[in-house]
Amino acid sequence: VIGVVIGKTDVRGFPDRKNIGSERYTFSFTIRDSPTYFINVTSWGTEDYIRSLSESFRVGDCVTIENPLVQSKEAEREEKFNPVTPSCYKLLLSENHSVVKTSSCYEVDTKLLSLLHLPVKDPQDYYSLGDIIANGQSLDGRILNVLAAVMSVS
C-alpha cells in the first residue's frame, strides 16, 4: 500500500495484560492514496520498535507499507481514538512481518502531495467559527466538525 501520511498520533504505552509488569506500545497514523480513500494504520510492539517506527516518518511523507494485516474495524470503538475513515477496514502493522518504507512523494507520485490538503469530511458537514459563536448556546454538548485555518502557533 502506498499513500501520503495525513495524520499521526503520539506513541503511547499500556500495561501488557499477557506479561504482567511490562508494557506494550502503540501509535497510529492515517494514509491517503486518492481524494476519496484513506485508512487508519495501527502498530503495536516493543517501545524500541514503536518509537523507531514513529520517528521514521512525519505527516506529509509518502510511505509504502508491506505486509500489513487487514482487519475489519469496530467502528464505534475505533473512531473514539482514530479519525473516521470511509473504509470499514484498518491496517495493522506487525513488528515481525510488516515493513514501512518512507520516500519523497516527488519520487513516488506527485499527485499524492495534493491529497495532503484535502478535507477528510464532507464539505457540507462543517461549522464555521462564526456559526459556533453565533449559535453557541444551541450547540452546547454537541460534537461538531470545524473547518478553520491556523494563523499562527506560539
Protein backbone atom coordinates (compact mmCIF):
# COMPACT_ATOMS: atom_id res chain seq x y z
CA VAL A 1 0.00 0.00 0.00
CA ILE A 2 1.39 3.41 -0.94
CA GLY A 3 0.00 6.68 0.39
CA VAL A 4 0.71 10.05 1.92
CA VAL A 5 0.56 10.32 5.72
CA ILE A 6 -2.25 12.77 6.57
CA GLY A 7 -2.34 12.27 10.34
CA LYS A 8 -0.35 10.68 13.13
CA THR A 9 -0.76 10.08 16.88
CA ASP A 10 1.85 10.18 19.62
CA VAL A 11 3.41 6.98 20.93
CA ARG A 12 1.56 5.61 23.97
CA GLY A 13 2.41 2.82 26.39
CA PHE A 14 -0.06 0.50 28.12
CA PRO A 15 0.37 -2.25 30.71
CA ASP A 16 0.64 -5.60 28.93
CA ARG A 17 -2.16 -7.87 30.14
CA LYS A 18 -0.30 -11.00 29.00
CA ASN A 19 3.07 -10.13 30.54
CA ILE A 20 2.34 -8.57 33.92
CA GLY A 21 4.84 -5.85 34.78
CA SER A 22 5.74 -5.00 31.18
CA GLU A 23 4.29 -2.51 28.71
CA ARG A 24 3.14 -2.64 25.10
CA TYR A 25 3.42 0.44 22.93
CA THR A 26 1.27 1.71 20.11
CA PHE A 27 0.81 4.53 17.69
CA SER A 28 -1.46 5.12 14.73
CA PHE A 29 -1.41 7.09 11.54
CA THR A 30 -3.72 7.70 8.61
CA ILE A 31 -2.68 7.37 4.96
CA ARG A 32 -4.45 8.53 1.83
CA ASP A 33 -3.98 7.42 -1.76
CA SER A 34 -6.86 9.22 -3.51
CA PRO A 35 -9.30 12.08 -2.86
CA THR A 36 -11.90 9.53 -1.72
CA TYR A 37 -9.97 6.84 0.12
CA PHE A 38 -7.90 6.91 3.30
CA ILE A 39 -7.35 4.34 6.03
CA ASN A 40 -6.06 4.14 9.59
CA VAL A 41 -2.92 2.14 10.33
CA THR A 42 -2.12 0.92 13.85
CA SER A 43 1.06 -0.64 15.17
CA TRP A 44 1.67 -2.39 18.49
CA GLY A 45 5.01 -3.61 19.76
CA THR A 46 8.01 -3.00 21.96
CA GLU A 47 8.92 0.53 22.94
CA ASP A 48 12.04 0.49 20.74
CA TYR A 49 10.16 -0.71 17.65
CA ILE A 50 7.23 1.70 18.04
CA ARG A 51 9.38 4.76 18.80
CA SER A 52 11.71 3.95 15.90
CA LEU A 53 8.77 3.46 13.51
CA SER A 54 7.06 6.65 14.69
CA GLU A 55 10.23 8.70 14.27
CA SER A 56 10.91 7.30 10.77
CA PHE A 57 8.26 9.49 9.05
CA ARG A 58 6.03 12.50 9.59
CA VAL A 59 2.80 13.96 8.23
CA GLY A 60 3.31 14.77 4.56
CA ASP A 61 5.72 11.91 3.88
CA CYS A 62 4.87 9.16 1.41
CA VAL A 63 5.04 5.65 2.82
CA THR A 64 4.97 2.18 1.34
CA ILE A 65 3.54 -0.41 3.71
CA GLU A 66 4.44 -4.03 3.05
CA ASN A 67 2.61 -7.00 4.61
CA PRO A 68 0.05 -5.21 6.78
CA LEU A 69 -2.74 -7.27 8.32
CA VAL A 70 -6.13 -6.11 7.01
CA GLN A 71 -8.79 -6.17 9.73
CA SER A 72 -12.41 -5.14 9.92
CA LYS A 73 -12.70 -2.15 12.17
CA GLU A 74 -15.05 -1.90 15.11
CA ALA A 75 -16.42 1.49 14.05
CA GLU A 76 -17.71 2.70 17.40
CA ARG A 77 -14.57 1.71 19.31
CA GLU A 78 -12.08 2.66 16.59
CA GLU A 79 -13.47 6.11 15.97
CA LYS A 80 -13.08 7.10 19.62
CA PHE A 81 -9.31 7.08 19.17
CA ASN A 82 -8.75 7.43 15.41
CA PRO A 83 -10.07 9.62 12.60
CA VAL A 84 -13.30 8.49 10.94
CA THR A 85 -12.44 6.92 7.57
CA PRO A 86 -14.63 5.79 4.65
CA SER A 87 -13.19 2.27 4.90
CA CYS A 88 -14.70 -0.48 7.01
CA TYR A 89 -11.16 -1.82 7.44
CA LYS A 90 -7.95 -0.84 9.18
CA LEU A 91 -4.35 -1.90 8.66
CA LEU A 92 -2.38 -3.45 11.49
CA LEU A 93 1.42 -3.47 11.42
CA SER A 94 3.35 -6.34 12.93
CA GLU A 95 6.89 -5.93 14.24
CA ASN A 96 7.83 -9.32 12.77
CA HIS A 97 6.07 -9.21 9.39
CA SER A 98 5.38 -5.62 8.27
CA VAL A 99 7.71 -3.03 6.79
CA VAL A 100 7.16 0.72 6.37
CA LYS A 101 9.39 2.48 3.86
CA THR A 102 9.47 6.26 3.62
CA SER A 103 10.14 8.14 0.42
CA SER A 104 9.64 11.54 -1.10
CA CYS A 105 6.26 11.99 -2.77
CA TYR A 106 8.20 13.53 -5.66
CA GLU A 107 9.90 10.15 -6.17
CA VAL A 108 6.68 8.14 -5.85
CA ASP A 109 3.80 10.18 -7.27
CA THR A 110 3.47 13.97 -7.07
CA LYS A 111 -0.36 13.59 -7.16
CA LEU A 112 -0.13 12.22 -3.61
CA LEU A 113 1.10 15.61 -2.37
CA SER A 114 -2.16 17.34 -3.34
CA LEU A 115 -4.08 14.86 -1.15
CA LEU A 116 -2.44 16.27 1.96
CA HIS A 117 -4.57 19.41 1.85
CA LEU A 118 -7.96 17.91 1.04
CA PRO A 119 -10.52 17.85 3.88
CA VAL A 120 -11.47 14.38 5.07
CA LYS A 121 -15.06 15.34 5.83
CA ASP A 122 -17.98 16.22 3.56
CA PRO A 123 -17.77 19.97 2.79
CA GLN A 124 -21.43 20.32 3.86
CA ASP A 125 -20.71 18.84 7.31
CA TYR A 126 -18.73 21.73 8.85
CA TYR A 127 -19.49 24.62 11.15
CA SER A 128 -17.64 27.88 10.71
CA LEU A 129 -16.23 29.62 13.76
CA GLY A 130 -18.80 32.38 13.17
CA ASP A 131 -21.65 29.83 13.31
CA ILE A 132 -20.31 28.47 16.58
CA ILE A 133 -20.00 31.92 18.13
CA ALA A 134 -23.48 32.95 16.95
CA ASN A 135 -25.18 29.68 17.95
CA GLY A 136 -23.01 28.50 20.83
CA GLN A 137 -25.89 28.11 23.26
CA SER A 138 -27.89 25.80 21.00
CA LEU A 139 -24.78 23.76 20.10
CA ASP A 140 -23.83 23.10 23.73
CA GLY A 141 -22.94 19.44 24.25
CA ARG A 142 -22.89 18.55 20.54
CA ILE A 143 -19.86 17.17 18.70
CA LEU A 144 -19.07 19.35 15.68
CA ASN A 145 -16.78 19.34 12.67
CA VAL A 146 -14.94 22.64 12.32
CA LEU A 147 -13.09 23.85 9.25
CA ALA A 148 -10.68 26.66 10.10
CA ALA A 149 -7.24 27.88 9.21
CA VAL A 150 -4.50 28.19 11.81
CA MET A 151 -2.90 31.62 11.55
CA SER A 152 -0.07 31.08 13.99
CA VAL A 153 1.20 28.75 16.67
CA SER A 154 3.09 30.12 19.67
